[in-house]
Amino acid sequence: MKKVYVLLGPTASGKTALSISLAGKLNAEIISADSRQIYKHIQIATCAPTAYELGKAKHYFVNELEPDEDFNAGTFAKLSREIISGIHSRDKNVLIVGGSGLYIKSLIDGFFEEEIKDLSIREKLNLRLESEGREVLYNELMSVDPDTANKMDAGKFRRVIRALEVFYATGNKMSEQQENTIKPDFETKQAGLTFERDILYDRINSRVDGLISGGLVDEIESLLKKGYTPETHNSLNTVGVKEVFRYLKNEILKEEMVEQIKQNTRRYAKRQMTWFNADKRIQWVNVSEYGNSELCSEHILTLLK
């Protein structure tokens, strides 16, 4: 059975740089398991691979969709399995790289309904609940998943929101949600990058400062001019984007914007690690124990092999 290699970890753990090195050593093409890097116009905000990095290894699901196009874990799993089959047919290896735990799990395991969680979608639905009311959301659920809607009381709006969250996160109806029993035709080896919390948080803070100096505000301002907003497009309801929108709308000062991005990114990293730590198959690598990235890359290679 062929292998599929996975390099995962929280934001700012250095996955992109190490993945380029590993792809070369593994003769692999890279599938990005990042729910936001697939979207155009937010390369700075999502720390997407640079043009140079994209030129060093073939990538999938990077800078492919407009912000108003839908993409979810279910679609990712389906398309990725097709891509993996094609890569293997060319006698090359596959390296999955990312921090979106639900995307990775949907690809290698499938998922149970209770495991599905997308806080950005949930936040947007809660905001819509406040502004549009319960009836609108219930009618929306009736439209996308009538079987589930008919079984629940429209007044139990938290269950309505939950059913919509499952649908928009996976593309599957809650009424049909079950563990994906179609087993992949590949074996998976997972390596995870980790740091001591203080070091990771320092890396996050430094990265945010770099995003600001690298043109993040201009990037988001261009989105605003195109008519895209986090309120209307869930793809933009993400850390590093929504805070800048608030700044551009004069709701917060620049200093507040920067601090909010740092704080929300740290919280996101914590949620990522909570998710990943539940998977005992992941072999963890403390990156700070290695003097340089080449040594770290070689160690990860031995784990994946």
Protein backbone atom coordinates (compact mmCIF):
# COMPACT_ATOMS: atom_id res chain seq x y z
CA MET A 1 0.00 0.00 0.00
CA LYS A 2 1.36 3.41 -0.95
CA LYS A 3 2.11 6.01 1.72
CA VAL A 4 0.84 9.54 2.11
CA TYR A 5 2.97 11.76 4.31
CA VAL A 6 1.50 14.47 6.54
CA LEU A 7 3.29 17.47 8.06
CA LEU A 8 1.06 19.34 10.47
CA GLY A 9 1.27 21.76 13.36
CA PRO A 10 -0.06 25.05 14.69
CA THR A 11 0.22 28.33 12.87
CA ALA A 12 3.73 29.88 12.82
CA SER A 13 5.43 26.53 13.47
CA GLY A 14 7.40 26.65 10.22
CA LYS A 15 5.48 24.07 8.20
CA THR A 16 5.89 25.77 4.82
CA ALA A 17 9.67 26.05 4.81
CA LEU A 18 10.16 22.51 6.10
CA SER A 19 7.62 21.12 3.63
CA ILE A 20 9.62 22.48 0.69
CA SER A 21 12.73 20.71 1.97
CA LEU A 22 10.83 17.48 2.63
CA ALA A 23 9.09 17.53 -0.75
CA GLY A 24 12.45 17.58 -2.47
CA LYS A 25 13.79 14.68 -0.41
CA LEU A 26 10.62 12.63 -0.80
CA ASN A 27 10.10 13.38 -4.50
CA ALA A 28 6.67 14.61 -3.42
CA GLU A 29 3.98 17.03 -4.50
CA ILE A 30 2.28 19.07 -1.79
CA ILE A 31 -1.43 19.19 -0.98
CA SER A 32 -2.22 22.16 1.25
CA ALA A 33 -4.57 21.28 4.11
CA ASP A 34 -5.24 24.91 4.96
CA SER A 35 -8.84 26.06 4.78
CA ARG A 36 -7.89 29.62 3.85
CA GLN A 37 -4.76 29.42 1.67
CA ILE A 38 -6.92 28.09 -1.16
CA TYR A 39 -8.42 31.58 -1.56
CA LYS A 40 -6.97 34.31 -3.75
CA HIS A 41 -6.23 37.87 -2.61
CA ILE A 42 -5.25 36.94 0.99
CA GLN A 43 -1.76 35.53 0.51
CA ILE A 44 -0.24 37.82 3.13
CA ALA A 45 -3.00 37.24 5.66
CA THR A 46 -2.78 33.45 5.33
CA CYS A 47 1.02 33.29 5.04
CA ALA A 48 0.56 31.31 1.84
CA PRO A 49 3.65 29.90 0.10
CA THR A 50 5.53 32.50 -1.92
CA ALA A 51 5.98 32.35 -5.67
CA TYR A 52 9.51 31.07 -5.06
CA GLU A 53 8.24 28.30 -2.76
CA LEU A 54 5.50 27.36 -5.19
CA GLY A 55 8.17 27.05 -7.85
CA LYS A 56 10.22 24.63 -5.73
CA ALA A 57 7.41 22.06 -5.38
CA LYS A 58 4.08 21.43 -7.04
CA HIS A 59 1.24 22.62 -4.77
CA TYR A 60 -2.50 22.00 -4.76
CA PHE A 61 -5.20 24.12 -3.09
CA VAL A 62 -3.17 27.32 -2.88
CA ASN A 63 -4.49 30.57 -4.37
CA GLU A 64 -7.13 28.81 -6.46
CA LEU A 65 -10.57 30.18 -5.49
CA GLU A 66 -12.23 33.57 -5.27
CA PRO A 67 -13.44 34.51 -1.75
CA ASP A 68 -17.07 34.01 -2.76
CA GLU A 69 -16.53 30.37 -3.79
CA ASP A 70 -17.44 27.61 -1.36
CA PHE A 71 -14.93 25.05 -0.13
CA ASN A 72 -15.17 22.70 2.84
CA ALA A 73 -13.64 19.62 4.44
CA GLY A 74 -15.83 17.21 2.52
CA THR A 75 -14.86 18.74 -0.82
CA PHE A 76 -11.22 18.79 0.23
CA ALA A 77 -11.27 15.08 1.07
CA LYS A 78 -12.95 14.07 -2.18
CA LEU A 79 -10.70 16.14 -4.44
CA SER A 80 -7.55 15.27 -2.51
CA ARG A 81 -8.11 11.54 -2.91
CA GLU A 82 -8.44 12.05 -6.66
CA ILE A 83 -5.24 14.13 -6.73
CA ILE A 84 -3.38 11.58 -4.61
CA SER A 85 -4.30 8.82 -7.04
CA GLY A 86 -2.95 10.91 -9.91
CA ILE A 87 0.31 11.72 -8.12
CA HIS A 88 0.91 8.09 -7.22
CA SER A 89 0.24 7.07 -10.82
CA ARG A 90 3.21 9.24 -11.79
CA ASP A 91 5.42 7.39 -9.26
CA LYS A 92 5.70 10.43 -7.04
CA ASN A 93 4.92 10.82 -3.34
CA VAL A 94 2.31 12.97 -1.61
CA LEU A 95 2.95 15.38 1.26
CA ILE A 96 -0.09 16.85 3.02
CA VAL A 97 0.84 20.11 4.75
CA GLY A 98 -1.37 22.25 6.96
CA GLY A 99 -2.99 23.15 10.21
CA SER A 100 -6.69 22.57 9.47
CA GLY A 101 -7.33 19.51 11.58
CA LEU A 102 -10.79 18.81 10.20
CA TYR A 103 -9.45 18.84 6.64
CA ILE A 104 -6.69 16.37 7.47
CA LYS A 105 -9.02 14.06 9.39
CA SER A 106 -11.67 14.13 6.66
CA LEU A 107 -9.04 12.95 4.19
CA ILE A 108 -7.43 10.16 6.17
CA ASP A 109 -10.30 9.00 8.43
CA GLY A 110 -13.64 10.55 7.57
CA PHE A 111 -15.44 12.12 10.54
CA PHE A 112 -18.27 11.77 12.99
CA GLU A 113 -20.79 14.58 13.27
CA GLU A 114 -19.81 15.38 16.86
CA GLU A 115 -16.20 15.98 15.80
CA ILE A 116 -17.07 18.64 13.25
CA LYS A 117 -16.30 22.14 14.43
CA ASP A 118 -15.66 25.32 12.47
CA LEU A 119 -15.65 28.30 14.78
CA SER A 120 -15.53 30.86 11.97
CA ILE A 121 -18.73 29.46 10.47
CA ARG A 122 -20.36 29.28 13.90
CA GLU A 123 -19.43 32.89 14.64
CA LYS A 124 -20.91 34.06 11.36
CA LEU A 125 -24.13 32.11 11.98
CA ASN A 126 -24.45 33.59 15.48
CA LEU A 127 -24.03 37.08 14.07
CA ARG A 128 -26.70 36.33 11.48
CA LEU A 129 -28.96 35.03 14.24
CA GLU A 130 -28.72 38.40 15.96
CA SER A 131 -29.24 40.46 12.82
CA GLU A 132 -31.67 38.29 10.81
CA GLY A 133 -33.53 36.27 13.42
CA ARG A 134 -34.32 32.62 14.03
CA GLU A 135 -36.87 32.14 11.29
CA VAL A 136 -34.42 33.07 8.53
CA LEU A 137 -31.86 30.52 9.70
CA TYR A 138 -34.48 27.82 10.19
CA ASN A 139 -35.79 28.38 6.69
CA GLU A 140 -32.22 28.18 5.42
CA LEU A 141 -31.77 24.82 7.14
CA MET A 142 -35.08 23.69 5.66
CA SER A 143 -33.67 24.54 2.25
CA VAL A 144 -30.32 22.72 2.58
CA ASP A 145 -31.29 19.85 4.92
CA PRO A 146 -35.08 19.46 5.19
CA ASP A 147 -34.89 16.06 6.90
CA THR A 148 -32.94 17.52 9.83
CA ALA A 149 -35.06 20.69 9.95
CA ASN A 150 -38.30 18.70 10.10
CA LYS A 151 -37.04 16.73 13.08
CA MET A 152 -36.20 19.71 15.26
CA ASP A 153 -38.09 22.50 16.95
CA ALA A 154 -37.45 25.79 15.14
CA GLY A 155 -37.28 27.43 18.57
CA LYS A 156 -34.21 25.37 19.50
CA PHE A 157 -32.02 27.75 17.52
CA ARG A 158 -28.71 26.36 18.83
CA ARG A 159 -29.46 23.03 17.16
CA VAL A 160 -30.41 24.90 13.99
CA ILE A 161 -27.07 26.71 14.03
CA ARG A 162 -25.26 23.44 14.73
CA ALA A 163 -26.92 21.71 11.77
CA LEU A 164 -26.00 24.62 9.48
CA GLU A 165 -22.43 24.59 10.80
CA VAL A 166 -22.09 20.89 9.94
CA PHE A 167 -23.47 21.46 6.47
CA TYR A 168 -21.28 24.45 5.62
CA ALA A 169 -18.13 22.91 7.18
CA THR A 170 -18.38 19.59 5.36
CA GLY A 171 -20.85 19.94 2.50
CA ASN A 172 -22.80 17.04 4.04
CA LYS A 173 -26.24 17.12 5.62
CA MET A 174 -26.44 16.30 9.31
CA SER A 175 -29.24 13.88 8.44
CA GLU A 176 -26.75 11.94 6.33
CA GLN A 177 -23.65 12.56 8.44
CA GLN A 178 -21.83 9.41 9.44
CA GLU A 179 -18.30 8.14 9.58
CA ASN A 180 -16.83 7.86 6.12
CA THR A 181 -16.47 4.11 5.77
CA ILE A 182 -14.67 4.28 2.43
CA LYS A 183 -11.13 3.44 3.49
CA PRO A 184 -8.36 5.24 1.62
CA ASP A 185 -6.11 3.13 -0.55
CA PHE A 186 -3.01 4.54 1.11
CA GLU A 187 -1.21 4.39 4.44
CA THR A 188 -0.69 7.66 6.30
CA LYS A 189 2.38 8.74 8.28
CA GLN A 190 2.00 11.95 10.30
CA ALA A 191 4.67 14.23 11.77
CA GLY A 192 3.77 17.26 13.87
CA LEU A 193 5.80 20.38 14.63
CA THR A 194 5.75 21.75 18.13
CA PHE A 195 7.44 24.40 20.27
CA GLU A 196 7.32 25.36 23.91
CA ARG A 197 4.32 27.65 24.29
CA ASP A 198 6.34 30.80 25.03
CA ILE A 199 8.51 30.26 21.96
CA LEU A 200 5.52 29.61 19.72
CA TYR A 201 3.75 32.72 20.99
CA ASP A 202 6.87 34.80 20.35
CA ARG A 203 6.96 33.41 16.81
CA ILE A 204 3.31 34.32 16.35
CA ASN A 205 3.86 37.86 17.59
CA SER A 206 6.87 38.31 15.31
CA ARG A 207 4.97 36.90 12.36
CA VAL A 208 2.10 39.34 12.88
CA ASP A 209 4.54 42.26 13.00
CA GLY A 210 5.98 40.98 9.73
CA LEU A 211 2.53 40.76 8.14
CA ILE A 212 1.80 44.36 9.05
CA SER A 213 5.10 45.61 7.63
CA GLY A 214 4.63 43.34 4.62
CA GLY A 215 1.44 45.00 3.44
CA LEU A 216 -1.42 43.22 5.21
CA VAL A 217 -3.55 46.34 5.55
CA ASP A 218 -3.18 47.19 1.85
CA GLU A 219 -4.11 43.61 0.92
CA ILE A 220 -7.33 43.73 2.94
CA GLU A 221 -8.15 47.23 1.72
CA SER A 222 -8.02 45.88 -1.84
CA LEU A 223 -10.52 43.19 -0.83
CA LEU A 224 -12.84 45.82 0.58
CA LYS A 225 -12.69 47.75 -2.68
CA LYS A 226 -13.70 44.56 -4.52
CA GLY A 227 -16.79 44.29 -2.35
CA TYR A 228 -15.61 41.40 -0.20
CA THR A 229 -16.23 41.49 3.56
CA PRO A 230 -16.14 38.93 6.42
CA GLU A 231 -19.86 39.58 6.93
CA THR A 232 -20.73 38.43 3.41
CA HIS A 233 -17.99 35.85 2.74
CA ASN A 234 -17.11 33.18 5.28
CA SER A 235 -13.71 32.67 3.65
CA LEU A 236 -12.74 36.06 5.08
CA ASN A 237 -14.08 35.44 8.56
CA THR A 238 -10.62 34.50 9.70
CA VAL A 239 -7.84 35.79 11.93
CA GLY A 240 -5.75 38.50 10.32
CA VAL A 241 -8.53 39.53 7.98
CA LYS A 242 -11.51 40.39 10.13
CA GLU A 243 -9.41 42.53 12.50
CA VAL A 244 -8.06 44.61 9.62
CA PHE A 245 -11.58 45.10 8.30
CA ARG A 246 -12.56 46.50 11.69
CA TYR A 247 -9.61 48.88 11.56
CA LEU A 248 -10.48 50.02 8.04
CA LYS A 249 -14.05 50.68 9.20
CA ASN A 250 -12.63 52.86 12.02
CA GLU A 251 -14.00 50.55 14.69
CA ILE A 252 -10.58 50.05 16.32
CA LEU A 253 -7.21 51.81 16.31
CA LYS A 254 -4.21 50.34 14.51
CA GLU A 255 -2.53 49.37 17.77
CA GLU A 256 -5.69 47.54 18.84
CA MET A 257 -5.86 45.80 15.48
CA VAL A 258 -2.32 44.48 15.80
CA GLU A 259 -2.84 43.27 19.36
CA GLN A 260 -6.14 41.58 18.45
CA ILE A 261 -4.51 39.72 15.55
CA LYS A 262 -1.75 38.49 17.86
CA GLN A 263 -4.17 37.46 20.58
CA ASN A 264 -6.60 35.72 18.25
CA THR A 265 -3.76 33.93 16.45
CA ARG A 266 -2.44 32.63 19.78
CA ARG A 267 -5.92 31.39 20.66
CA TYR A 268 -6.21 29.72 17.27
CA ALA A 269 -2.87 27.94 17.77
CA LYS A 270 -4.10 26.67 21.12
CA ARG A 271 -7.26 25.26 19.52
CA GLN A 272 -5.18 23.60 16.81
CA MET A 273 -2.99 21.84 19.36
CA THR A 274 -6.04 20.69 21.33
CA TRP A 275 -7.34 19.06 18.16
CA PHE A 276 -4.02 17.50 17.13
CA ASN A 277 -3.20 16.17 20.60
CA ALA A 278 -6.25 13.92 20.39
CA ASP A 279 -4.58 11.96 17.57
CA LYS A 280 -2.03 9.61 19.10
CA ARG A 281 -0.70 8.58 15.68
CA ILE A 282 1.10 11.90 15.24
CA GLN A 283 4.84 11.77 15.88
CA TRP A 284 5.84 15.10 17.37
CA VAL A 285 9.04 17.01 16.69
CA ASN A 286 10.12 19.81 19.01
CA VAL A 287 11.62 22.13 16.41
CA SER A 288 13.48 24.25 18.96
CA GLU A 289 15.70 21.28 19.81
CA TYR A 290 17.37 21.46 16.39
CA GLY A 291 20.11 23.91 15.54
CA ASN A 292 18.93 24.43 11.98
CA SER A 293 16.08 23.51 9.67
CA GLU A 294 18.16 20.97 7.75
CA LEU A 295 18.72 18.85 10.87
CA CYS A 296 15.04 19.13 11.71
CA SER A 297 14.08 18.13 8.18
CA GLU A 298 16.31 15.06 8.31
CA HIS A 299 14.77 13.96 11.61
CA ILE A 300 11.24 14.38 10.28
CA LEU A 301 12.23 12.37 7.25
CA THR A 302 13.27 9.43 9.45
CA LEU A 303 9.92 9.59 11.28
CA LEU A 304 7.90 9.63 8.08
CA LYS A 305 9.85 6.81 6.49
